Amino acid sequence: MEKKYDLGLMGLAVMGQNLVLNMVDHGYNVAVFNRTTSKVDDFLALDEVKSKGEKIAGAHSLDELVSKLKSPRIVMLMIQSKNAVPANEVALYPEYAAVDAVISQLLPLLSPGDVIIDGGNTQFLDTERRTKFLAQKGIRFIGTGVSGGEEGARKGPSLMPGGDPQAWPLVKDLMQSISAKVGPNRDIPCCDWVGDRGAGHYVKMVHNGIEYGDMQLICEAYWLLKHAAGLSNAEIGAVFTEWNKGELDSYLIQITRDIFTVKDKETGKDLVDLILDTAGAKGTGKWMSQLALDLGVPSTLVTEAVYARCISAMKEQRLAASKLLSGPAKKWSGDREKFVEQIRRALYASKICSYAQGFVQMRAAAQEYGWQLNYGPIAMLWRGGCIIRAVFLERIKEAFDADPNLENLLLAPYFKEAVESAQEGWREVIKTAVELGIPCPGMTTALTYFDSYRSATLPANLLQAQRDYFGAHTYRRIDKPGEGPFHTDWINEREV
């Protein structure tokens, strides 16, 4: 009798390969397939894969892959979401390609009750419609965020599954067993059910948006340490080493520390100084910013981080502009140790604002799309395995444990105190950056968000008057609550 496998995985790029090995390490048997079938043979020929014996089986078609699976059959897709559709394949929705094309091929091979998992970086609206469409066919669909990169996939990623809740009991043990573990006994999985339909992919998108903000803020701290305080790379590495021992303890601070210890083998110079200053992006940060605008929530940190990457990519224009445009010639002088601590505080306070914005956006999306999101547990999904993993996340869980309906992290006692105690140094850092002409868009927009959010009044009264003047958009009055809206004939009411 032919052996049956626990799961089929399609997509043998780096993430897919490492997830397969992770699954096998945790006692699961996996069948694999790749549309470029030579990759299947290449994978099976790896020494580490051969050492697994019959725990990994190759398939050279989707039909063969499905035929190797136990019932109910579980197929996980680790493929790009928007590749071009080959002429001989028909997507369910022609404007979106690879995932829909594969689903259309899988449907005739599956039976009601089978499960499809999409583990790619997928736009959540696609997951919303795929879940609904496949439910009509009796197929249970999960869209799961997978974070942690190559290392996370192999040793334990953060997993954020959402979709058809009937599918969760069928994959819970598998997904939680391969995920990262945290806690005193390393037994709390960084994987739990997030919510219906596209909720899992939305939470993963917010994770990536916060990651954009975190990375931008760290880069700004580095630039201030280098170009304001005048620290060498070795000294900057030592600063990040110290920062990683305190409240900034996180994966991103850790790897930043490590980066400053690496020399280029050819030149002997610090490798970081030889890297071209043009940053790439995969799109999830842009999605979060666009969707924040749709919801009317101010996720300014991720937006500034995306724009910072955009302007970094304008290398030729920046080189030309640098020869024509000048800035301040002022040099910084002061207490270096005090300034380094002020930068640390500014970084931490800005980071708090970034996370606050992310959770505000998730709350708004949950209301818009009818998801029941549990924000404390979501924070713990990010405690291990993923790129933004940090000790700081435990504070977020504590905040939501104390108040599940917390409107904004800035209102929680711990974060309120942390940001308020950082204010003086935070403002001094921004002031210094402006005086020296050092761009700090992330830290600046974080402070602006904080100042706007804590303000009982803003100048939008004048904005409303302007809108009413040129477009008769009307306004409301503070002295007549519940009345209105009002309109004024501003031209004729002028006192000349």
Protein backbone atom coordinates (compact mmCIF):
# COMPACT_ATOMS: atom_id res chain seq x y z
CA MET A 1 0.00 0.00 0.00
CA GLU A 2 1.38 3.39 -1.00
CA LYS A 3 2.43 5.61 1.89
CA LYS A 4 0.22 8.64 2.54
CA TYR A 5 1.65 11.98 3.66
CA ASP A 6 0.39 14.45 6.25
CA LEU A 7 0.69 17.52 4.07
CA GLY A 8 1.57 18.59 0.55
CA LEU A 9 3.63 21.73 0.00
CA MET A 10 3.94 23.54 -3.32
CA GLY A 11 6.71 26.09 -3.80
CA LEU A 12 10.30 25.08 -3.13
CA ALA A 13 12.01 28.43 -2.84
CA VAL A 14 14.04 29.04 0.33
CA MET A 15 11.02 29.50 2.63
CA GLY A 16 9.21 26.45 1.30
CA GLN A 17 12.27 24.20 1.58
CA ASN A 18 12.94 25.23 5.16
CA LEU A 19 9.33 24.81 6.22
CA VAL A 20 9.37 21.26 4.85
CA LEU A 21 12.49 20.40 6.87
CA ASN A 22 10.96 22.04 9.94
CA MET A 23 7.79 19.95 9.56
CA VAL A 24 9.73 16.73 9.18
CA ASP A 25 11.79 17.56 12.27
CA HIS A 26 8.52 17.72 14.19
CA GLY A 27 7.33 14.31 13.08
CA TYR A 28 5.34 15.08 9.95
CA ASN A 29 5.66 13.45 6.55
CA VAL A 30 5.54 15.90 3.65
CA ALA A 31 5.05 15.57 -0.10
CA VAL A 32 6.48 18.40 -2.20
CA PHE A 33 5.87 19.88 -5.64
CA ASN A 34 7.18 22.82 -7.65
CA ARG A 35 5.91 24.01 -11.00
CA THR A 36 9.50 23.96 -12.26
CA THR A 37 9.78 20.26 -11.54
CA SER A 38 13.56 20.19 -11.72
CA LYS A 39 13.52 22.02 -8.38
CA VAL A 40 11.76 19.01 -6.86
CA ASP A 41 14.61 16.74 -7.94
CA ASP A 42 17.22 19.26 -6.82
CA PHE A 43 15.60 19.46 -3.39
CA LEU A 44 15.35 15.69 -2.99
CA ALA A 45 19.04 15.42 -3.90
CA LEU A 46 20.16 17.58 -0.96
CA ASP A 47 22.02 15.59 1.69
CA GLU A 48 19.82 16.90 4.49
CA VAL A 49 16.70 15.87 2.58
CA LYS A 50 18.07 12.43 1.69
CA SER A 51 18.80 11.87 5.39
CA LYS A 52 15.06 12.16 6.07
CA GLY A 53 14.35 9.05 4.02
CA GLU A 54 10.72 8.48 3.11
CA LYS A 55 9.53 11.33 5.31
CA ILE A 56 9.77 13.60 2.24
CA ALA A 57 8.35 12.56 -1.12
CA GLY A 58 8.56 14.37 -4.43
CA ALA A 59 5.74 14.88 -6.90
CA HIS A 60 5.99 16.10 -10.46
CA SER A 61 2.40 17.28 -10.87
CA LEU A 62 -0.37 18.60 -8.64
CA ASP A 63 -2.33 15.43 -9.37
CA GLU A 64 0.53 13.31 -8.04
CA LEU A 65 0.95 15.59 -5.04
CA VAL A 66 -2.70 15.32 -4.02
CA SER A 67 -2.72 11.54 -4.59
CA LYS A 68 0.01 11.15 -1.94
CA LEU A 69 -1.95 12.86 0.85
CA LYS A 70 -3.99 11.57 3.75
CA SER A 71 -7.63 12.61 3.99
CA PRO A 72 -8.66 15.30 4.69
CA ARG A 73 -5.94 16.50 2.38
CA ILE A 74 -3.92 19.57 3.34
CA VAL A 75 -2.05 21.51 0.64
CA MET A 76 0.14 24.49 1.56
CA LEU A 77 1.08 27.03 -1.10
CA MET A 78 4.36 28.94 -0.73
CA ILE A 79 4.23 30.84 -4.01
CA GLN A 80 4.09 34.41 -5.26
CA SER A 81 0.63 35.92 -5.34
CA LYS A 82 0.72 38.00 -8.52
CA ASN A 83 2.86 36.28 -11.12
CA ALA A 84 1.73 36.28 -14.73
CA VAL A 85 -0.71 33.51 -15.57
CA PRO A 86 0.63 31.09 -18.20
CA ALA A 87 -1.49 30.95 -21.32
CA ASN A 88 -2.56 27.36 -20.62
CA GLU A 89 -3.81 28.13 -17.09
CA VAL A 90 -7.04 29.86 -16.19
CA ALA A 91 -7.15 31.90 -12.98
CA LEU A 92 -10.35 32.28 -11.01
CA TYR A 93 -9.82 36.01 -11.27
CA PRO A 94 -7.73 37.05 -14.25
CA GLU A 95 -6.33 40.17 -12.56
CA TYR A 96 -4.60 38.05 -9.89
CA ALA A 97 -2.54 35.18 -10.96
CA ALA A 98 -0.43 32.49 -9.40
CA VAL A 99 -2.42 31.55 -6.28
CA ASP A 100 -5.73 31.67 -8.15
CA ALA A 101 -4.28 29.66 -11.04
CA VAL A 102 -3.06 26.93 -8.69
CA ILE A 103 -6.37 26.90 -6.80
CA SER A 104 -8.21 26.44 -10.10
CA GLN A 105 -6.01 23.44 -10.85
CA LEU A 106 -6.39 22.00 -7.34
CA LEU A 107 -10.17 22.20 -7.14
CA PRO A 108 -10.94 19.19 -9.39
CA LEU A 109 -8.44 17.12 -7.39
CA LEU A 110 -9.79 17.92 -3.91
CA SER A 111 -12.88 16.82 -2.00
CA PRO A 112 -15.16 18.70 0.41
CA GLY A 113 -13.42 19.08 3.76
CA ASP A 114 -9.91 19.34 2.30
CA VAL A 115 -7.75 22.31 3.25
CA ILE A 116 -5.69 24.80 1.23
CA ILE A 117 -3.21 27.03 3.09
CA ASP A 118 -1.74 30.14 1.46
CA GLY A 119 1.50 30.99 3.27
CA GLY A 120 2.59 33.80 0.96
CA ASN A 121 2.57 37.57 1.51
CA THR A 122 -0.93 37.94 0.11
CA GLN A 123 -3.12 41.03 0.05
CA PHE A 124 -5.81 40.33 2.64
CA LEU A 125 -8.71 41.15 0.31
CA ASP A 126 -7.61 38.25 -1.89
CA THR A 127 -7.77 35.98 1.15
CA GLU A 128 -11.22 37.34 2.01
CA ARG A 129 -12.62 36.41 -1.42
CA ARG A 130 -10.75 33.10 -1.67
CA THR A 131 -12.09 31.97 1.70
CA LYS A 132 -15.66 32.79 0.67
CA PHE A 133 -15.32 31.27 -2.80
CA LEU A 134 -13.77 28.02 -1.61
CA ALA A 135 -16.28 27.64 1.22
CA GLN A 136 -18.97 27.44 -1.47
CA LYS A 137 -17.02 24.51 -2.95
CA GLY A 138 -16.67 22.79 0.42
CA ILE A 139 -12.93 23.54 0.59
CA ARG A 140 -11.52 25.04 3.79
CA PHE A 141 -9.08 27.86 3.15
CA ILE A 142 -6.45 29.41 5.42
CA GLY A 143 -4.37 32.49 4.70
CA THR A 144 -1.47 32.57 7.10
CA GLY A 145 1.22 35.12 7.66
CA VAL A 146 4.66 33.55 7.96
CA SER A 147 7.40 35.70 9.46
CA GLY A 148 11.00 35.03 10.35
CA GLY A 149 12.72 34.66 7.01
CA GLU A 150 14.86 31.69 6.13
CA GLU A 151 16.03 31.07 9.69
CA GLY A 152 12.51 31.33 11.09
CA ALA A 153 11.09 28.93 8.54
CA ARG A 154 13.74 26.37 9.46
CA LYS A 155 13.84 26.78 13.24
CA GLY A 156 10.42 28.17 14.04
CA PRO A 157 8.54 31.08 12.45
CA SER A 158 5.80 33.30 13.76
CA LEU A 159 2.57 32.11 12.14
CA MET A 160 -0.62 34.20 11.88
CA PRO A 161 -3.39 31.99 10.46
CA GLY A 162 -6.85 33.21 9.51
CA GLY A 163 -9.56 32.06 7.13
CA ASP A 164 -12.18 29.34 7.54
CA PRO A 165 -12.38 28.54 11.28
CA GLN A 166 -13.40 24.95 10.49
CA ALA A 167 -9.94 24.41 9.05
CA TRP A 168 -8.08 25.41 12.22
CA PRO A 169 -8.62 22.16 14.21
CA LEU A 170 -7.22 20.22 11.25
CA VAL A 171 -3.93 22.13 11.13
CA LYS A 172 -3.54 23.50 14.67
CA ASP A 173 -1.15 20.83 15.95
CA LEU A 174 0.98 21.01 12.81
CA MET A 175 1.25 24.79 12.73
CA GLN A 176 1.84 25.26 16.44
CA SER A 177 4.45 22.50 16.53
CA ILE A 178 6.59 24.11 13.80
CA SER A 179 6.25 27.67 15.12
CA ALA A 180 8.70 29.49 17.37
CA LYS A 181 8.25 28.94 21.11
CA VAL A 182 8.54 31.46 23.94
CA GLY A 183 8.02 31.54 27.67
CA PRO A 184 10.09 30.32 30.62
CA ASN A 185 9.84 26.73 29.41
CA ARG A 186 9.92 27.57 25.68
CA ASP A 187 6.53 25.92 25.28
CA ILE A 188 4.23 28.78 24.22
CA PRO A 189 3.80 28.65 20.43
CA CYS A 190 4.01 31.87 18.41
CA CYS A 191 1.00 30.69 16.45
CA ASP A 192 -2.70 30.89 17.16
CA TRP A 193 -5.90 31.49 15.29
CA VAL A 194 -6.18 35.18 14.41
CA GLY A 195 -9.66 35.48 12.91
CA ASP A 196 -11.98 34.88 9.99
CA ARG A 197 -11.15 35.18 6.31
CA GLY A 198 -8.37 37.72 5.65
CA ALA A 199 -7.58 38.52 9.30
CA GLY A 200 -4.35 36.50 9.37
CA HIS A 201 -2.89 38.14 6.31
CA TYR A 202 -3.98 41.57 7.57
CA VAL A 203 -2.16 41.05 10.86
CA LYS A 204 0.93 39.88 8.95
CA MET A 205 0.74 43.02 6.83
CA VAL A 206 0.63 45.18 9.96
CA HIS A 207 3.58 43.21 11.33
CA ASN A 208 5.53 44.07 8.17
CA GLY A 209 4.47 47.72 8.35
CA ILE A 210 5.71 47.96 11.94
CA GLU A 211 8.90 46.27 10.75
CA TYR A 212 9.32 49.03 8.15
CA GLY A 213 8.95 51.65 10.87
CA ASP A 214 11.31 49.87 13.28
CA MET A 215 14.03 49.57 10.67
CA GLN A 216 13.71 53.20 9.60
CA LEU A 217 13.91 54.42 13.21
CA ILE A 218 17.01 52.32 13.86
CA CYS A 219 18.63 53.70 10.70
CA GLU A 220 17.91 57.24 11.87
CA ALA A 221 19.44 56.51 15.27
CA TYR A 222 22.53 55.14 13.52
CA TRP A 223 22.81 58.21 11.29
CA LEU A 224 22.56 60.55 14.28
CA LEU A 225 25.19 58.60 16.19
CA LYS A 226 27.48 58.73 13.15
CA HIS A 227 26.92 62.20 11.73
CA ALA A 228 25.90 64.19 14.79
CA ALA A 229 27.70 62.57 17.69
CA GLY A 230 30.61 61.50 15.47
CA LEU A 231 30.85 57.90 16.70
CA SER A 232 32.90 55.35 14.78
CA ASN A 233 31.28 52.15 13.54
CA ALA A 234 32.89 50.22 16.36
CA GLU A 235 31.50 52.69 18.88
CA ILE A 236 28.06 52.51 17.27
CA GLY A 237 28.18 48.71 17.51
CA ALA A 238 29.01 49.04 21.21
CA VAL A 239 26.04 51.39 21.67
CA PHE A 240 23.66 48.90 20.06
CA THR A 241 25.14 46.15 22.22
CA GLU A 242 24.20 48.15 25.32
CA TRP A 243 20.79 49.06 23.96
CA ASN A 244 20.03 45.39 23.38
CA LYS A 245 20.40 44.74 27.12
CA GLY A 246 17.52 47.03 28.07
CA GLU A 247 14.01 47.94 26.99
CA LEU A 248 15.07 48.03 23.33
CA ASP A 249 16.10 44.34 23.48
CA SER A 250 14.96 42.95 20.12
CA TYR A 251 15.98 40.98 17.07
CA LEU A 252 16.44 44.09 14.94
CA ILE A 253 18.70 45.79 17.51
CA GLN A 254 20.65 42.53 17.83
CA ILE A 255 21.30 42.16 14.11
CA THR A 256 22.16 45.86 13.86
CA ARG A 257 24.79 45.30 16.54
CA ASP A 258 26.16 42.38 14.55
CA ILE A 259 26.30 44.31 11.28
CA PHE A 260 28.86 46.72 12.71
CA THR A 261 31.25 43.84 13.46
CA VAL A 262 31.54 42.56 9.87
CA LYS A 263 34.52 43.50 7.69
CA ASP A 264 34.66 43.25 3.90
CA LYS A 265 37.02 40.39 3.04
CA GLU A 266 38.38 42.15 -0.07
CA THR A 267 39.13 45.59 1.36
CA GLY A 268 39.20 45.09 5.12
CA LYS A 269 36.76 48.00 5.49
CA ASP A 270 33.53 47.88 7.46
CA LEU A 271 31.09 46.19 5.10
CA VAL A 272 28.18 48.46 6.07
CA ASP A 273 30.06 51.45 4.62
CA LEU A 274 30.38 49.74 1.22
CA ILE A 275 26.67 49.02 0.77
CA LEU A 276 24.80 51.28 -1.66
CA ASP A 277 22.24 53.41 0.16
CA THR A 278 19.20 52.45 -1.94
CA ALA A 279 16.58 50.37 -0.13
CA GLY A 280 14.17 47.87 -1.61
CA ALA A 281 10.64 46.93 -0.56
CA LYS A 282 8.28 44.02 -1.20
CA GLY A 283 5.03 45.99 -0.99
CA THR A 284 3.45 45.06 2.35
CA GLY A 285 4.45 48.37 3.93
CA LYS A 286 2.82 50.21 1.05
CA TRP A 287 -0.32 48.09 1.46
CA MET A 288 -0.57 49.02 5.12
CA SER A 289 -0.20 52.72 4.33
CA GLN A 290 -2.79 52.59 1.55
CA LEU A 291 -5.26 50.68 3.70
CA ALA A 292 -4.73 53.08 6.60
CA LEU A 293 -5.86 55.89 4.31
CA ASP A 294 -8.91 53.84 3.33
CA LEU A 295 -9.80 53.40 7.00
CA GLY A 296 -9.00 56.99 7.93
CA VAL A 297 -6.40 56.08 10.56
CA PRO A 298 -3.02 57.88 10.79
CA SER A 299 -0.39 55.15 10.36
CA THR A 300 2.23 57.80 9.71
CA LEU A 301 5.31 55.79 10.75
CA VAL A 302 4.95 53.12 8.09
CA THR A 303 4.07 55.77 5.50
CA GLU A 304 7.21 57.78 6.26
CA ALA A 305 9.27 54.58 6.25
CA VAL A 306 7.95 53.70 2.79
CA TYR A 307 8.69 57.21 1.53
CA ALA A 308 12.18 57.04 3.04
CA ARG A 309 12.84 53.92 0.97
CA CYS A 310 11.42 55.66 -2.09
CA ILE A 311 13.71 58.66 -1.74
CA SER A 312 16.68 56.39 -1.04
CA ALA A 313 16.06 54.78 -4.42
CA MET A 314 16.42 58.21 -6.09
CA LYS A 315 20.19 57.90 -5.88
CA GLU A 316 21.11 59.69 -9.09
CA GLN A 317 18.77 62.59 -8.33
CA ARG A 318 20.14 62.87 -4.80
CA LEU A 319 23.71 62.90 -6.05
CA ALA A 320 22.88 65.72 -8.47
CA ALA A 321 20.93 67.65 -5.84
CA SER A 322 23.76 67.34 -3.32
CA LYS A 323 25.94 69.44 -5.65
CA LEU A 324 23.33 72.18 -6.00
CA LEU A 325 21.51 72.37 -2.68
CA SER A 326 23.14 73.24 0.61
CA GLY A 327 22.15 72.78 4.24
CA PRO A 328 23.43 73.89 7.64
CA ALA A 329 27.19 74.01 8.13
CA LYS A 330 26.78 73.77 11.89
CA LYS A 331 28.63 71.03 13.79
CA TRP A 332 27.30 69.35 16.91
CA SER A 333 29.07 69.84 20.19
CA GLY A 334 27.95 68.68 23.57
CA ASP A 335 27.90 65.85 26.06
CA ARG A 336 28.24 62.75 23.87
CA GLU A 337 27.08 60.28 26.54
CA LYS A 338 23.99 62.37 27.28
CA PHE A 339 23.17 62.69 23.57
CA VAL A 340 23.49 58.94 22.99
CA GLU A 341 20.99 58.38 25.81
CA GLN A 342 18.65 60.97 24.31
CA ILE A 343 18.79 59.13 20.98
CA ARG A 344 17.96 55.88 22.77
CA ARG A 345 14.95 57.48 24.40
CA ALA A 346 13.84 59.04 21.13
CA LEU A 347 14.12 55.65 19.43
CA TYR A 348 12.10 53.93 22.13
CA ALA A 349 9.37 56.57 22.26
CA SER A 350 9.09 56.56 18.45
CA LYS A 351 8.89 52.76 18.49
CA ILE A 352 6.00 52.93 20.95
CA CYS A 353 4.16 55.31 18.62
CA SER A 354 4.76 52.97 15.70
CA TYR A 355 3.27 49.98 17.49
CA ALA A 356 0.41 52.12 18.81
CA GLN A 357 -0.48 53.07 15.24
CA GLY A 358 -0.33 49.44 14.10
CA PHE A 359 -2.76 48.27 16.77
CA VAL A 360 -5.08 51.21 16.10
CA GLN A 361 -5.18 50.19 12.44
CA MET A 362 -5.91 46.55 13.31
CA ARG A 363 -8.76 47.68 15.56
CA ALA A 364 -10.24 49.83 12.78
CA ALA A 365 -9.90 46.97 10.26
CA ALA A 366 -11.56 44.53 12.67
CA GLN A 367 -14.55 46.84 12.92
CA GLU A 368 -14.67 47.36 9.17
CA TYR A 369 -14.44 43.66 8.22
CA GLY A 370 -16.17 41.99 11.16
CA TRP A 371 -13.18 40.23 12.70
CA GLN A 372 -12.84 39.38 16.39
CA LEU A 373 -9.17 40.16 17.02
CA ASN A 374 -7.48 39.57 20.38
CA TYR A 375 -4.69 42.11 20.55
CA GLY A 376 -2.71 40.82 23.53
CA PRO A 377 -2.35 37.33 22.03
CA ILE A 378 -1.47 38.90 18.65
CA ALA A 379 1.43 40.71 20.33
CA MET A 380 2.64 37.36 21.68
CA LEU A 381 2.54 35.84 18.19
CA TRP A 382 5.34 38.30 17.44
CA ARG A 383 7.31 37.49 20.59
CA GLY A 384 9.43 34.88 18.81
CA GLY A 385 10.35 33.74 15.32
CA CYS A 386 9.48 36.95 13.51
CA ILE A 387 11.50 40.00 12.51
CA ILE A 388 9.98 42.40 15.07
CA ARG A 389 10.33 40.00 17.99
CA ALA A 390 11.19 41.93 21.13
CA VAL A 391 10.88 41.84 24.91
CA PHE A 392 8.82 45.01 24.49
CA LEU A 393 5.90 42.94 23.14
CA GLU A 394 5.23 41.48 26.57
CA ARG A 395 4.41 45.00 27.72
CA ILE A 396 1.83 45.24 24.94
CA LYS A 397 0.20 41.99 26.06
CA GLU A 398 0.11 43.27 29.64
CA ALA A 399 -1.58 46.47 28.45
CA PHE A 400 -4.33 44.59 26.61
CA ASP A 401 -4.71 42.08 29.43
CA ALA A 402 -5.41 45.01 31.74
CA ASP A 403 -7.80 46.63 29.25
CA PRO A 404 -8.95 44.51 26.27
CA ASN A 405 -10.72 47.59 24.87
CA LEU A 406 -7.65 49.81 25.07
CA GLU A 407 -8.07 52.49 22.42
CA ASN A 408 -4.40 53.34 22.01
CA LEU A 409 -1.21 51.94 23.58
CA LEU A 410 -0.19 55.51 24.47
CA LEU A 411 -2.98 55.51 27.06
CA ALA A 412 -1.70 52.42 28.90
CA PRO A 413 0.14 53.39 32.10
CA TYR A 414 3.49 51.82 31.16
CA PHE A 415 3.63 53.37 27.69
CA LYS A 416 2.25 56.72 28.85
CA GLU A 417 5.05 56.97 31.42
CA ALA A 418 7.71 55.73 29.00
CA VAL A 419 6.85 58.28 26.31
CA GLU A 420 6.41 61.17 28.72
CA SER A 421 9.75 60.44 30.39
CA ALA A 422 11.41 60.38 26.94
CA GLN A 423 9.93 63.67 25.80
CA GLU A 424 12.73 66.02 26.72
CA GLY A 425 15.45 63.96 25.07
CA TRP A 426 13.19 63.08 22.13
CA ARG A 427 12.54 66.73 21.38
CA GLU A 428 16.21 67.59 21.80
CA VAL A 429 17.17 64.92 19.27
CA ILE A 430 14.67 66.24 16.68
CA LYS A 431 15.84 69.80 17.34
CA THR A 432 19.47 68.76 16.84
CA ALA A 433 18.65 66.86 13.66
CA VAL A 434 16.88 69.91 12.21
CA GLU A 435 19.73 72.23 13.16
CA LEU A 436 22.29 69.92 11.54
CA GLY A 437 20.19 69.11 8.47
CA ILE A 438 20.09 65.38 9.25
CA PRO A 439 16.85 63.80 7.96
CA CYS A 440 14.86 61.96 10.65
CA PRO A 441 11.40 61.47 9.10
CA GLY A 442 10.45 58.54 11.32
CA MET A 443 11.29 60.08 14.69
CA THR A 444 9.83 63.42 13.60
CA THR A 445 6.51 61.99 12.44
CA ALA A 446 6.31 59.90 15.62
CA LEU A 447 6.66 63.03 17.75
CA THR A 448 4.14 64.87 15.59
CA TYR A 449 1.69 61.99 16.02
CA PHE A 450 2.18 62.08 19.79
CA ASP A 451 1.71 65.84 19.95
CA SER A 452 -1.38 65.68 17.73
CA TYR A 453 -2.95 62.80 19.66
CA ARG A 454 -2.47 64.51 23.03
CA SER A 455 -3.93 67.83 21.77
CA ALA A 456 -7.50 68.61 22.80
CA THR A 457 -7.75 71.05 19.89
CA LEU A 458 -6.11 71.18 16.46
CA PRO A 459 -6.22 73.80 13.67
CA ALA A 460 -8.78 71.79 11.72
CA ASN A 461 -11.36 74.47 12.62
CA LEU A 462 -9.65 76.77 10.11
CA LEU A 463 -9.46 73.91 7.61
CA GLN A 464 -13.23 73.38 7.90
CA ALA A 465 -13.80 77.10 7.40
CA GLN A 466 -11.66 76.97 4.24
CA ARG A 467 -13.60 73.98 2.93
CA ASP A 468 -16.89 75.71 3.61
CA TYR A 469 -15.64 78.93 1.96
CA PHE A 470 -14.62 77.36 -1.37
CA GLY A 471 -16.90 74.35 -1.51
CA ALA A 472 -19.83 74.86 0.85
CA HIS A 473 -18.82 71.70 2.70
CA THR A 474 -20.41 73.00 5.95
CA TYR A 475 -19.08 72.79 9.52
CA ARG A 476 -20.26 72.24 13.09
CA ARG A 477 -19.96 74.60 16.04
CA ILE A 478 -18.47 73.97 19.49
CA ASP A 479 -21.06 76.27 21.10
CA LYS A 480 -24.00 74.43 19.50
CA PRO A 481 -23.38 70.71 20.04
CA GLY A 482 -25.79 68.43 18.22
CA GLU A 483 -26.94 71.21 15.90
CA GLY A 484 -26.00 71.86 12.31
CA PRO A 485 -24.30 71.41 10.00
CA PHE A 486 -23.80 75.11 9.32
CA HIS A 487 -22.79 77.05 6.23
CA THR A 488 -21.62 80.64 5.92
CA ASP A 489 -21.57 82.94 2.93
CA TRP A 490 -17.99 83.93 3.73
CA ILE A 491 -17.63 86.51 0.94
CA ASN A 492 -20.66 88.52 1.94
CA GLU A 493 -20.07 88.15 5.65
CA ARG A 494 -16.61 89.72 5.49
CA GLU A 495 -16.03 92.92 7.42
CA VAL A 496 -14.33 95.20 4.93
